[in-house]
Amino acid sequence: MHSLADNALFQLVQQDNERAFVQLFDRYKQQLYRQVFGRIGEVQATQDILQEIFISVWRNRKTIEISDSLAPYLFNAARNLILQFYLKNKQKLQYLDRLTIDEPWVHSAEDQLIARESKAILDAEIGKLPENMKKIFILRKYQHQSIYEIAQQLGLSEQTVKNNLSIALKILRKRATSKELFLLYILFWFP
């Protein structure tokens, strides 16, 4: 079975041959992993996308048509799922981008409870930031000081303060799971 071409192997898959499916999976999993991970840089999301691709192949095996290779189908599916990933995460990232806005929001009691429960997670992540960046972040987000006030207090330029805030948000985005992204968003609008 190892020496079969993709189209012959896929014909077996279309006849519900699970061993042939595993063979195709093994043939393409590393290439797809590198392709997806190279675009999104997150291990868990990459694994989820690969799982979705191969589940889709199995579910749609009777209707998928390939001529020579399964590669174009797989890489097209990967491209589409990467785009979906970015579109879905764009909304989540917009929540964090709003952290730079100092407008208070009204939230339900449930939101407040979720925010309190997530505060420990957030505090731990903030504690891991470099010392100066942590000070700037705390002054801005917890003590609601302006960029100008922080710059004056720490003897830094306003641009340095902005850069540190931007980097801190990027670090927190990178470390946060999708659930925590939402919780981070909620947390910053509580008194």
N, C-alpha and C. Protein backbone atom coordinates (compact mmCIF):
# COMPACT_ATOMS: atom_id res chain seq x y z
N MET A 1 0.82 -1.19 0.00
CA MET A 1 0.00 0.00 0.00
C MET A 1 0.87 1.26 0.00
N HIS A 2 2.08 1.16 0.56
CA HIS A 2 2.98 2.33 0.63
C HIS A 2 3.37 2.83 -0.75
N SER A 3 3.44 1.93 -1.72
CA SER A 3 3.92 2.32 -3.04
C SER A 3 2.80 2.77 -3.97
N LEU A 4 1.56 2.70 -3.52
CA LEU A 4 0.44 3.12 -4.36
C LEU A 4 0.43 4.62 -4.56
N ALA A 5 0.04 5.04 -5.75
CA ALA A 5 -0.12 6.47 -6.03
C ALA A 5 -1.35 6.97 -5.27
N ASP A 6 -1.42 8.30 -5.09
CA ASP A 6 -2.52 8.89 -4.35
C ASP A 6 -3.88 8.50 -4.92
N ASN A 7 -4.01 8.55 -6.25
CA ASN A 7 -5.34 8.27 -6.82
C ASN A 7 -5.76 6.82 -6.56
N ALA A 8 -4.83 5.87 -6.63
CA ALA A 8 -5.17 4.47 -6.34
C ALA A 8 -5.48 4.29 -4.85
N LEU A 9 -4.70 4.95 -4.02
CA LEU A 9 -4.92 4.87 -2.57
C LEU A 9 -6.26 5.50 -2.20
N PHE A 10 -6.56 6.62 -2.85
CA PHE A 10 -7.81 7.30 -2.53
C PHE A 10 -9.02 6.50 -3.01
N GLN A 11 -8.86 5.75 -4.07
CA GLN A 11 -9.96 4.86 -4.50
C GLN A 11 -10.28 3.85 -3.40
N LEU A 12 -9.25 3.36 -2.75
CA LEU A 12 -9.47 2.45 -1.62
C LEU A 12 -10.16 3.17 -0.46
N VAL A 13 -9.78 4.43 -0.21
CA VAL A 13 -10.42 5.23 0.83
C VAL A 13 -11.90 5.38 0.50
N GLN A 14 -12.21 5.62 -0.76
CA GLN A 14 -13.61 5.78 -1.18
C GLN A 14 -14.41 4.49 -0.99
N GLN A 15 -13.71 3.37 -0.87
CA GLN A 15 -14.35 2.09 -0.60
C GLN A 15 -14.31 1.77 0.90
N ASP A 16 -14.11 2.81 1.70
CA ASP A 16 -14.12 2.73 3.17
C ASP A 16 -12.94 1.97 3.76
N ASN A 17 -11.81 1.95 3.06
CA ASN A 17 -10.62 1.28 3.55
C ASN A 17 -9.88 2.23 4.50
N GLU A 18 -9.95 1.94 5.80
CA GLU A 18 -9.35 2.81 6.81
C GLU A 18 -7.83 2.76 6.76
N ARG A 19 -7.26 1.62 6.41
CA ARG A 19 -5.79 1.52 6.31
C ARG A 19 -5.26 2.43 5.20
N ALA A 20 -5.98 2.51 4.12
CA ALA A 20 -5.58 3.41 3.02
C ALA A 20 -5.67 4.86 3.48
N PHE A 21 -6.70 5.17 4.26
CA PHE A 21 -6.85 6.52 4.79
C PHE A 21 -5.68 6.87 5.70
N VAL A 22 -5.31 5.94 6.58
CA VAL A 22 -4.18 6.16 7.48
C VAL A 22 -2.90 6.37 6.67
N GLN A 23 -2.76 5.62 5.60
CA GLN A 23 -1.59 5.77 4.73
C GLN A 23 -1.53 7.17 4.12
N LEU A 24 -2.67 7.66 3.64
CA LEU A 24 -2.72 9.02 3.09
C LEU A 24 -2.43 10.06 4.17
N PHE A 25 -2.99 9.83 5.35
CA PHE A 25 -2.74 10.72 6.47
C PHE A 25 -1.24 10.80 6.77
N ASP A 26 -0.61 9.63 6.88
CA ASP A 26 0.83 9.59 7.17
C ASP A 26 1.65 10.23 6.06
N ARG A 27 1.18 10.11 4.84
CA ARG A 27 1.88 10.66 3.69
C ARG A 27 1.90 12.19 3.71
N TYR A 28 0.84 12.81 4.20
CA TYR A 28 0.70 14.26 4.10
C TYR A 28 0.73 15.04 5.42
N LYS A 29 0.67 14.35 6.55
CA LYS A 29 0.52 15.07 7.82
C LYS A 29 1.68 16.02 8.10
N GLN A 30 2.91 15.62 7.83
CA GLN A 30 4.04 16.49 8.14
C GLN A 30 4.09 17.71 7.23
N GLN A 31 3.83 17.51 5.94
CA GLN A 31 3.81 18.63 5.00
C GLN A 31 2.73 19.63 5.39
N LEU A 32 1.54 19.13 5.68
CA LEU A 32 0.44 20.00 6.06
C LEU A 32 0.72 20.71 7.38
N TYR A 33 1.30 19.97 8.31
CA TYR A 33 1.62 20.58 9.60
C TYR A 33 2.56 21.77 9.41
N ARG A 34 3.63 21.56 8.64
CA ARG A 34 4.59 22.65 8.40
C ARG A 34 3.92 23.82 7.70
N GLN A 35 3.07 23.53 6.73
CA GLN A 35 2.37 24.58 5.99
C GLN A 35 1.48 25.41 6.91
N VAL A 36 0.66 24.74 7.71
CA VAL A 36 -0.29 25.43 8.59
C VAL A 36 0.44 26.14 9.72
N PHE A 37 1.35 25.43 10.38
CA PHE A 37 2.07 26.03 11.49
C PHE A 37 2.88 27.25 11.04
N GLY A 38 3.45 27.17 9.85
CA GLY A 38 4.20 28.29 9.31
C GLY A 38 3.35 29.53 9.10
N ARG A 39 2.05 29.33 8.92
CA ARG A 39 1.15 30.47 8.70
C ARG A 39 0.56 31.03 9.99
N ILE A 40 0.31 30.15 10.97
CA ILE A 40 -0.38 30.64 12.18
C ILE A 40 0.48 30.56 13.44
N GLY A 41 1.47 29.71 13.47
CA GLY A 41 2.42 29.69 14.58
C GLY A 41 1.87 29.21 15.91
N GLU A 42 0.76 28.49 15.91
CA GLU A 42 0.20 27.97 17.16
C GLU A 42 0.02 26.46 17.03
N VAL A 43 0.64 25.73 17.94
CA VAL A 43 0.61 24.27 17.87
C VAL A 43 -0.81 23.72 17.95
N GLN A 44 -1.57 24.14 18.96
CA GLN A 44 -2.91 23.59 19.16
C GLN A 44 -3.82 23.93 17.98
N ALA A 45 -3.77 25.15 17.50
CA ALA A 45 -4.61 25.54 16.36
C ALA A 45 -4.20 24.76 15.12
N THR A 46 -2.91 24.54 14.93
CA THR A 46 -2.42 23.76 13.79
C THR A 46 -2.95 22.33 13.87
N GLN A 47 -2.87 21.73 15.03
CA GLN A 47 -3.38 20.36 15.20
C GLN A 47 -4.89 20.31 14.96
N ASP A 48 -5.61 21.31 15.43
CA ASP A 48 -7.06 21.36 15.21
C ASP A 48 -7.38 21.46 13.72
N ILE A 49 -6.64 22.29 13.00
CA ILE A 49 -6.88 22.45 11.57
C ILE A 49 -6.58 21.15 10.83
N LEU A 50 -5.48 20.49 11.17
CA LEU A 50 -5.17 19.21 10.52
C LEU A 50 -6.26 18.18 10.78
N GLN A 51 -6.73 18.15 12.00
CA GLN A 51 -7.81 17.23 12.33
C GLN A 51 -9.05 17.53 11.49
N GLU A 52 -9.38 18.81 11.37
CA GLU A 52 -10.54 19.19 10.56
C GLU A 52 -10.38 18.77 9.11
N ILE A 53 -9.17 18.96 8.57
CA ILE A 53 -8.92 18.60 7.18
C ILE A 53 -9.17 17.11 6.96
N PHE A 54 -8.57 16.29 7.80
CA PHE A 54 -8.67 14.85 7.58
C PHE A 54 -10.05 14.29 7.93
N ILE A 55 -10.72 14.91 8.89
CA ILE A 55 -12.11 14.51 9.16
C ILE A 55 -12.97 14.82 7.94
N SER A 56 -12.72 15.98 7.34
CA SER A 56 -13.47 16.37 6.14
C SER A 56 -13.19 15.41 4.98
N VAL A 57 -11.93 15.03 4.83
CA VAL A 57 -11.60 14.07 3.76
C VAL A 57 -12.36 12.77 3.97
N TRP A 58 -12.37 12.27 5.20
CA TRP A 58 -13.06 11.01 5.46
C TRP A 58 -14.57 11.15 5.24
N ARG A 59 -15.14 12.22 5.75
CA ARG A 59 -16.59 12.41 5.61
C ARG A 59 -17.01 12.59 4.15
N ASN A 60 -16.17 13.25 3.37
CA ASN A 60 -16.52 13.56 1.99
C ASN A 60 -15.82 12.65 0.97
N ARG A 61 -15.31 11.54 1.43
CA ARG A 61 -14.53 10.66 0.57
C ARG A 61 -15.28 10.18 -0.66
N LYS A 62 -16.58 10.05 -0.54
CA LYS A 62 -17.38 9.55 -1.66
C LYS A 62 -17.56 10.61 -2.75
N THR A 63 -17.44 11.88 -2.40
CA THR A 63 -17.70 12.94 -3.38
C THR A 63 -16.43 13.66 -3.85
N ILE A 64 -15.32 13.46 -3.16
CA ILE A 64 -14.07 14.11 -3.56
C ILE A 64 -13.54 13.41 -4.81
N GLU A 65 -13.12 14.23 -5.77
CA GLU A 65 -12.52 13.69 -6.99
C GLU A 65 -11.10 14.19 -7.11
N ILE A 66 -10.18 13.26 -7.31
CA ILE A 66 -8.78 13.64 -7.52
C ILE A 66 -8.29 12.98 -8.80
N SER A 67 -7.36 13.65 -9.47
CA SER A 67 -6.82 13.07 -10.70
C SER A 67 -5.54 12.30 -10.41
N ASP A 68 -4.52 12.99 -9.91
CA ASP A 68 -3.24 12.34 -9.62
C ASP A 68 -2.96 12.28 -8.13
N SER A 69 -3.01 13.47 -7.52
CA SER A 69 -2.55 13.62 -6.15
C SER A 69 -3.64 14.24 -5.29
N LEU A 70 -3.62 13.87 -4.04
CA LEU A 70 -4.54 14.46 -3.07
C LEU A 70 -4.01 15.80 -2.56
N ALA A 71 -2.74 16.08 -2.82
CA ALA A 71 -2.09 17.29 -2.29
C ALA A 71 -2.84 18.58 -2.61
N PRO A 72 -3.23 18.84 -3.86
CA PRO A 72 -3.93 20.10 -4.12
C PRO A 72 -5.21 20.26 -3.28
N TYR A 73 -5.95 19.18 -3.12
CA TYR A 73 -7.16 19.23 -2.32
C TYR A 73 -6.82 19.56 -0.86
N LEU A 74 -5.82 18.87 -0.32
CA LEU A 74 -5.44 19.06 1.09
C LEU A 74 -4.91 20.46 1.35
N PHE A 75 -4.05 20.95 0.47
CA PHE A 75 -3.47 22.27 0.70
C PHE A 75 -4.48 23.39 0.47
N ASN A 76 -5.43 23.16 -0.41
CA ASN A 76 -6.52 24.13 -0.59
C ASN A 76 -7.40 24.15 0.66
N ALA A 77 -7.69 22.99 1.21
CA ALA A 77 -8.47 22.91 2.45
C ALA A 77 -7.73 23.60 3.58
N ALA A 78 -6.41 23.38 3.65
CA ALA A 78 -5.60 24.04 4.69
C ALA A 78 -5.66 25.55 4.53
N ARG A 79 -5.53 26.03 3.31
CA ARG A 79 -5.57 27.48 3.06
C ARG A 79 -6.90 28.06 3.53
N ASN A 80 -8.00 27.37 3.20
CA ASN A 80 -9.33 27.85 3.60
C ASN A 80 -9.49 27.87 5.12
N LEU A 81 -9.01 26.85 5.78
CA LEU A 81 -9.12 26.80 7.24
C LEU A 81 -8.22 27.83 7.92
N ILE A 82 -7.07 28.11 7.33
CA ILE A 82 -6.20 29.16 7.87
C ILE A 82 -6.91 30.50 7.77
N LEU A 83 -7.55 30.76 6.63
CA LEU A 83 -8.30 32.01 6.47
C LEU A 83 -9.43 32.09 7.49
N GLN A 84 -10.15 30.99 7.70
CA GLN A 84 -11.22 30.97 8.70
C GLN A 84 -10.66 31.24 10.09
N PHE A 85 -9.51 30.66 10.38
CA PHE A 85 -8.85 30.86 11.67
C PHE A 85 -8.59 32.35 11.89
N TYR A 86 -8.02 33.01 10.88
CA TYR A 86 -7.71 34.44 11.02
C TYR A 86 -8.97 35.28 11.13
N LEU A 87 -10.00 34.94 10.38
CA LEU A 87 -11.24 35.71 10.47
C LEU A 87 -11.87 35.55 11.85
N LYS A 88 -11.89 34.33 12.36
CA LYS A 88 -12.47 34.08 13.68
C LYS A 88 -11.66 34.77 14.78
N ASN A 89 -10.35 34.69 14.66
CA ASN A 89 -9.49 35.28 15.69
C ASN A 89 -9.39 36.79 15.56
N LYS A 90 -9.70 37.32 14.40
CA LYS A 90 -9.68 38.78 14.23
C LYS A 90 -10.65 39.43 15.22
N GLN A 91 -11.83 38.82 15.37
CA GLN A 91 -12.80 39.36 16.32
C GLN A 91 -12.27 39.28 17.74
N LYS A 92 -11.64 38.18 18.09
CA LYS A 92 -11.10 38.03 19.44
C LYS A 92 -10.00 39.05 19.69
N LEU A 93 -9.16 39.28 18.68
CA LEU A 93 -8.07 40.23 18.83
C LEU A 93 -8.59 41.66 18.93
N GLN A 94 -9.71 41.92 18.28
CA GLN A 94 -10.30 43.25 18.38
C GLN A 94 -10.70 43.54 19.83
N TYR A 95 -11.12 42.52 20.56
CA TYR A 95 -11.45 42.72 21.97
C TYR A 95 -10.22 43.23 22.72
N LEU A 96 -9.08 42.61 22.49
CA LEU A 96 -7.87 43.04 23.18
C LEU A 96 -7.42 44.41 22.70
N ASP A 97 -7.61 44.69 21.42
CA ASP A 97 -7.22 46.01 20.92
C ASP A 97 -8.01 47.11 21.63
N ARG A 98 -9.20 46.81 22.08
CA ARG A 98 -10.01 47.80 22.78
C ARG A 98 -9.45 48.13 24.17
N LEU A 99 -8.47 47.36 24.61
CA LEU A 99 -7.87 47.63 25.92
C LEU A 99 -7.25 49.01 25.97
N THR A 100 -6.92 49.57 24.83
CA THR A 100 -6.30 50.90 24.82
C THR A 100 -7.34 52.00 24.93
N ILE A 101 -8.61 51.65 24.90
CA ILE A 101 -9.69 52.63 25.03
C ILE A 101 -10.12 52.67 26.49
N ASP A 102 -10.28 53.84 27.02
CA ASP A 102 -10.59 53.97 28.44
C ASP A 102 -12.07 54.19 28.72
N GLU A 103 -12.95 53.73 27.82
CA GLU A 103 -14.38 53.90 28.05
C GLU A 103 -14.90 52.76 28.91
N PRO A 104 -15.64 53.05 29.97
CA PRO A 104 -16.20 51.97 30.79
C PRO A 104 -17.36 51.29 30.08
N TRP A 105 -17.52 50.01 30.29
CA TRP A 105 -18.62 49.25 29.71
C TRP A 105 -19.43 48.67 30.85
N VAL A 106 -20.69 48.39 30.59
CA VAL A 106 -21.56 47.77 31.58
C VAL A 106 -21.63 46.27 31.25
N HIS A 107 -21.43 45.43 32.27
CA HIS A 107 -21.42 43.99 32.05
C HIS A 107 -22.35 43.30 33.04
N SER A 108 -22.80 42.14 32.64
CA SER A 108 -23.71 41.37 33.49
C SER A 108 -22.97 40.81 34.70
N ALA A 109 -23.74 40.32 35.64
CA ALA A 109 -23.15 39.70 36.84
C ALA A 109 -22.33 38.48 36.44
N GLU A 110 -22.79 37.74 35.43
CA GLU A 110 -22.06 36.57 34.96
C GLU A 110 -20.70 36.97 34.39
N ASP A 111 -20.68 38.05 33.61
CA ASP A 111 -19.43 38.55 33.06
C ASP A 111 -18.48 38.93 34.19
N GLN A 112 -19.01 39.57 35.22
CA GLN A 112 -18.17 40.00 36.33
C GLN A 112 -17.59 38.80 37.07
N LEU A 113 -18.39 37.76 37.24
CA LEU A 113 -17.92 36.55 37.89
C LEU A 113 -16.81 35.89 37.07
N ILE A 114 -17.02 35.78 35.78
CA ILE A 114 -16.02 35.20 34.89
C ILE A 114 -14.73 36.02 34.96
N ALA A 115 -14.88 37.34 34.95
CA ALA A 115 -13.71 38.22 34.99
C ALA A 115 -12.92 38.04 36.28
N ARG A 116 -13.63 37.95 37.40
CA ARG A 116 -12.93 37.76 38.69
C ARG A 116 -12.18 36.44 38.70
N GLU A 117 -12.81 35.40 38.15
CA GLU A 117 -12.16 34.09 38.14
C GLU A 117 -10.94 34.08 37.23
N SER A 118 -10.96 34.89 36.20
CA SER A 118 -9.83 34.91 35.26
C SER A 118 -8.73 35.88 35.69
N LYS A 119 -9.01 36.73 36.66
CA LYS A 119 -8.04 37.74 37.07
C LYS A 119 -6.74 37.10 37.55
N ALA A 120 -6.82 35.99 38.23
CA ALA A 120 -5.62 35.31 38.71
C ALA A 120 -4.75 34.88 37.53
N ILE A 121 -5.38 34.38 36.47
CA ILE A 121 -4.64 33.97 35.28
C ILE A 121 -3.95 35.17 34.66
N LEU A 122 -4.70 36.25 34.52
CA LEU A 122 -4.15 37.46 33.92
C LEU A 122 -3.01 38.02 34.76
N ASP A 123 -3.21 38.09 36.08
CA ASP A 123 -2.17 38.61 36.95
C ASP A 123 -0.88 37.80 36.84
N ALA A 124 -1.01 36.50 36.73
CA ALA A 124 0.16 35.64 36.59
C ALA A 124 0.90 35.95 35.29
N GLU A 125 0.16 36.14 34.20
CA GLU A 125 0.79 36.46 32.92
C GLU A 125 1.42 37.84 32.93
N ILE A 126 0.76 38.80 33.55
CA ILE A 126 1.33 40.14 33.66
C ILE A 126 2.61 40.08 34.50
N GLY A 127 2.61 39.26 35.54
CA GLY A 127 3.79 39.10 36.39
C GLY A 127 4.99 38.57 35.64
N LYS A 128 4.78 37.90 34.52
CA LYS A 128 5.87 37.34 33.73
C LYS A 128 6.47 38.37 32.76
N LEU A 129 5.83 39.52 32.62
CA LEU A 129 6.35 40.56 31.71
C LEU A 129 7.64 41.14 32.27
N PRO A 130 8.51 41.67 31.39
CA PRO A 130 9.70 42.37 31.89
C PRO A 130 9.28 43.50 32.83
N GLU A 131 10.12 43.81 33.80
CA GLU A 131 9.76 44.71 34.90
C GLU A 131 9.24 46.07 34.42
N ASN A 132 9.95 46.73 33.53
CA ASN A 132 9.54 48.05 33.06
C ASN A 132 8.21 47.97 32.30
N MET A 133 8.08 46.94 31.47
CA MET A 133 6.86 46.75 30.70
C MET A 133 5.68 46.49 31.64
N LYS A 134 5.93 45.71 32.69
CA LYS A 134 4.89 45.41 33.67
C LYS A 134 4.42 46.70 34.36
N LYS A 135 5.38 47.56 34.76
CA LYS A 135 5.02 48.82 35.40
C LYS A 135 4.14 49.67 34.49
N ILE A 136 4.57 49.79 33.24
CA ILE A 136 3.83 50.60 32.26
C ILE A 136 2.42 50.05 32.09
N PHE A 137 2.32 48.74 31.94
CA PHE A 137 1.03 48.10 31.72
C PHE A 137 0.10 48.33 32.92
N ILE A 138 0.63 48.16 34.11
CA ILE A 138 -0.17 48.34 35.32
C ILE A 138 -0.61 49.79 35.48
N LEU A 139 0.30 50.72 35.23
CA LEU A 139 -0.06 52.13 35.34
C LEU A 139 -1.16 52.50 34.35
N ARG A 140 -1.09 51.95 33.18
CA ARG A 140 -2.08 52.29 32.14
C ARG A 140 -3.41 51.58 32.39
N LYS A 141 -3.37 50.30 32.62
CA LYS A 141 -4.61 49.51 32.66
C LYS A 141 -5.27 49.44 34.03
N TYR A 142 -4.49 49.52 35.09
CA TYR A 142 -5.09 49.43 36.42
C TYR A 142 -5.20 50.78 37.10
N GLN A 143 -4.25 51.67 36.83
CA GLN A 143 -4.28 52.97 37.46
C GLN A 143 -4.76 54.06 36.50
N HIS A 144 -5.07 53.66 35.30
CA HIS A 144 -5.70 54.53 34.27
C HIS A 144 -4.93 55.82 34.02
N GLN A 145 -3.62 55.75 34.07
CA GLN A 145 -2.81 56.92 33.77
C GLN A 145 -2.68 57.07 32.26
N SER A 146 -2.52 58.30 31.83
CA SER A 146 -2.35 58.56 30.40
C SER A 146 -0.93 58.19 29.98
N ILE A 147 -0.75 58.07 28.67
CA ILE A 147 0.58 57.79 28.13
C ILE A 147 1.56 58.87 28.59
N TYR A 148 1.11 60.12 28.53
CA TYR A 148 1.95 61.25 28.94
C TYR A 148 2.35 61.13 30.42
N GLU A 149 1.37 60.84 31.28
CA GLU A 149 1.66 60.73 32.72
C GLU A 149 2.65 59.60 33.01
N ILE A 150 2.48 58.49 32.34
CA ILE A 150 3.39 57.35 32.54
C ILE A 150 4.80 57.72 32.09
N ALA A 151 4.88 58.36 30.92
CA ALA A 151 6.19 58.77 30.40
C ALA A 151 6.89 59.71 31.37
N GLN A 152 6.14 60.66 31.92
CA GLN A 152 6.73 61.61 32.87
C GLN A 152 7.16 60.91 34.16
N GLN A 153 6.32 60.04 34.67
CA GLN A 153 6.60 59.36 35.93
C GLN A 153 7.82 58.45 35.82
N LEU A 154 7.98 57.77 34.68
CA LEU A 154 9.08 56.82 34.53
C LEU A 154 10.28 57.39 33.80
N GLY A 155 10.17 58.64 33.36
CA GLY A 155 11.28 59.27 32.65
C GLY A 155 11.53 58.65 31.29
N LEU A 156 10.46 58.31 30.60
CA LEU A 156 10.56 57.70 29.27
C LEU A 156 9.86 58.59 28.25
N SER A 157 10.13 58.31 26.99
CA SER A 157 9.39 59.04 25.95
C SER A 157 8.00 58.43 25.83
N GLU A 158 7.07 59.21 25.31
CA GLU A 158 5.71 58.70 25.10
C GLU A 158 5.71 57.53 24.13
N GLN A 159 6.58 57.60 23.12
CA GLN A 159 6.65 56.50 22.14
C GLN A 159 7.12 55.21 22.79
N THR A 160 8.06 55.31 23.71
CA THR A 160 8.54 54.12 24.42
C THR A 160 7.41 53.50 25.24
N VAL A 161 6.62 54.34 25.87
CA VAL A 161 5.47 53.84 26.64
C VAL A 161 4.50 53.13 25.70
N LYS A 162 4.18 53.76 24.57
CA LYS A 162 3.27 53.15 23.59
C LYS A 162 3.81 51.83 23.08
N ASN A 163 5.11 51.80 22.77
CA ASN A 163 5.73 50.57 22.28
C ASN A 163 5.65 49.46 23.32
N ASN A 164 5.92 49.80 24.57
CA ASN A 164 5.85 48.80 25.65
C ASN A 164 4.44 48.26 25.82
N LEU A 165 3.45 49.14 25.75
CA LEU A 165 2.06 48.69 25.86
C LEU A 165 1.70 47.76 24.71
N SER A 166 2.11 48.13 23.52
CA SER A 166 1.82 47.32 22.34
C SER A 166 2.47 45.94 22.45
N ILE A 167 3.72 45.90 22.86
CA ILE A 167 4.43 44.63 23.02
C ILE A 167 3.78 43.80 24.12
N ALA A 168 3.41 44.43 25.22
CA ALA A 168 2.76 43.70 26.32
C ALA A 168 1.47 43.05 25.84
N LEU A 169 0.67 43.79 25.08
CA LEU A 169 -0.58 43.23 24.56
C LEU A 169 -0.30 42.06 23.62
N LYS A 170 0.72 42.18 22.80
CA LYS A 170 1.07 41.08 21.89
C LYS A 170 1.47 39.84 22.68
N ILE A 171 2.27 40.05 23.71
CA ILE A 171 2.70 38.92 24.55
C ILE A 171 1.49 38.26 25.21
N LEU A 172 0.59 39.08 25.76
CA LEU A 172 -0.59 38.53 26.44
C LEU A 172 -1.50 37.82 25.44
N ARG A 173 -1.64 38.36 24.23
CA ARG A 173 -2.44 37.70 23.19
C ARG A 173 -1.86 36.33 22.86
N LYS A 174 -0.54 36.29 22.73
CA LYS A 174 0.13 35.06 22.35
C LYS A 174 -0.04 33.98 23.42
N ARG A 175 -0.01 34.40 24.67
CA ARG A 175 -0.07 33.44 25.79
C ARG A 175 -1.50 33.03 26.12
N ALA A 176 -2.47 33.82 25.74
CA ALA A 176 -3.85 33.57 26.14
C ALA A 176 -4.53 32.58 25.21
N THR A 177 -5.35 31.72 25.78
CA THR A 177 -6.21 30.86 24.96
C THR A 177 -7.38 31.70 24.48
N SER A 178 -8.19 31.16 23.59
CA SER A 178 -9.31 31.93 23.06
C SER A 178 -10.29 32.31 24.18
N LYS A 179 -10.50 31.43 25.15
CA LYS A 179 -11.38 31.75 26.27
C LYS A 179 -10.79 32.90 27.09
N GLU A 180 -9.47 32.83 27.32
CA GLU A 180 -8.83 33.87 28.11
C GLU A 180 -8.83 35.20 27.38
N LEU A 181 -8.77 35.18 26.03
CA LEU A 181 -8.85 36.43 25.28
C LEU A 181 -10.14 37.15 25.60
N PHE A 182 -11.23 36.42 25.61
CA PHE A 182 -12.52 37.01 25.93
C PHE A 182 -12.53 37.52 27.37
N LEU A 183 -11.97 36.73 28.26
CA LEU A 183 -11.95 37.13 29.67
C LEU A 183 -11.07 38.35 29.89
N LEU A 184 -9.96 38.43 29.17
CA LEU A 184 -9.10 39.61 29.28
C LEU A 184 -9.86 40.85 28.84
N TYR A 185 -10.61 40.70 27.79
CA TYR A 185 -11.40 41.82 27.27
C TYR A 185 -12.39 42.32 28.32
N ILE A 186 -13.10 41.40 28.92
CA ILE A 186 -14.10 41.76 29.93
C ILE A 186 -13.42 42.42 31.14
N LEU A 187 -12.32 41.85 31.56
CA LEU A 187 -11.66 42.28 32.78
C LEU A 187 -11.31 43.76 32.80
N PHE A 188 -10.91 44.30 31.68
CA PHE A 188 -10.40 45.66 31.69
C PHE A 188 -11.46 46.73 31.72
N TRP A 189 -12.74 46.37 31.77
CA TRP A 189 -13.76 47.40 31.87
C TRP A 189 -14.46 47.40 33.22
N PHE A 190 -13.85 46.72 34.19
CA PHE A 190 -14.38 46.74 35.54
C PHE A 190 -13.62 47.74 36.37
N PRO A 191 -14.31 48.39 37.29
CA PRO A 191 -13.64 49.36 38.15
C PRO A 191 -12.61 48.71 39.07
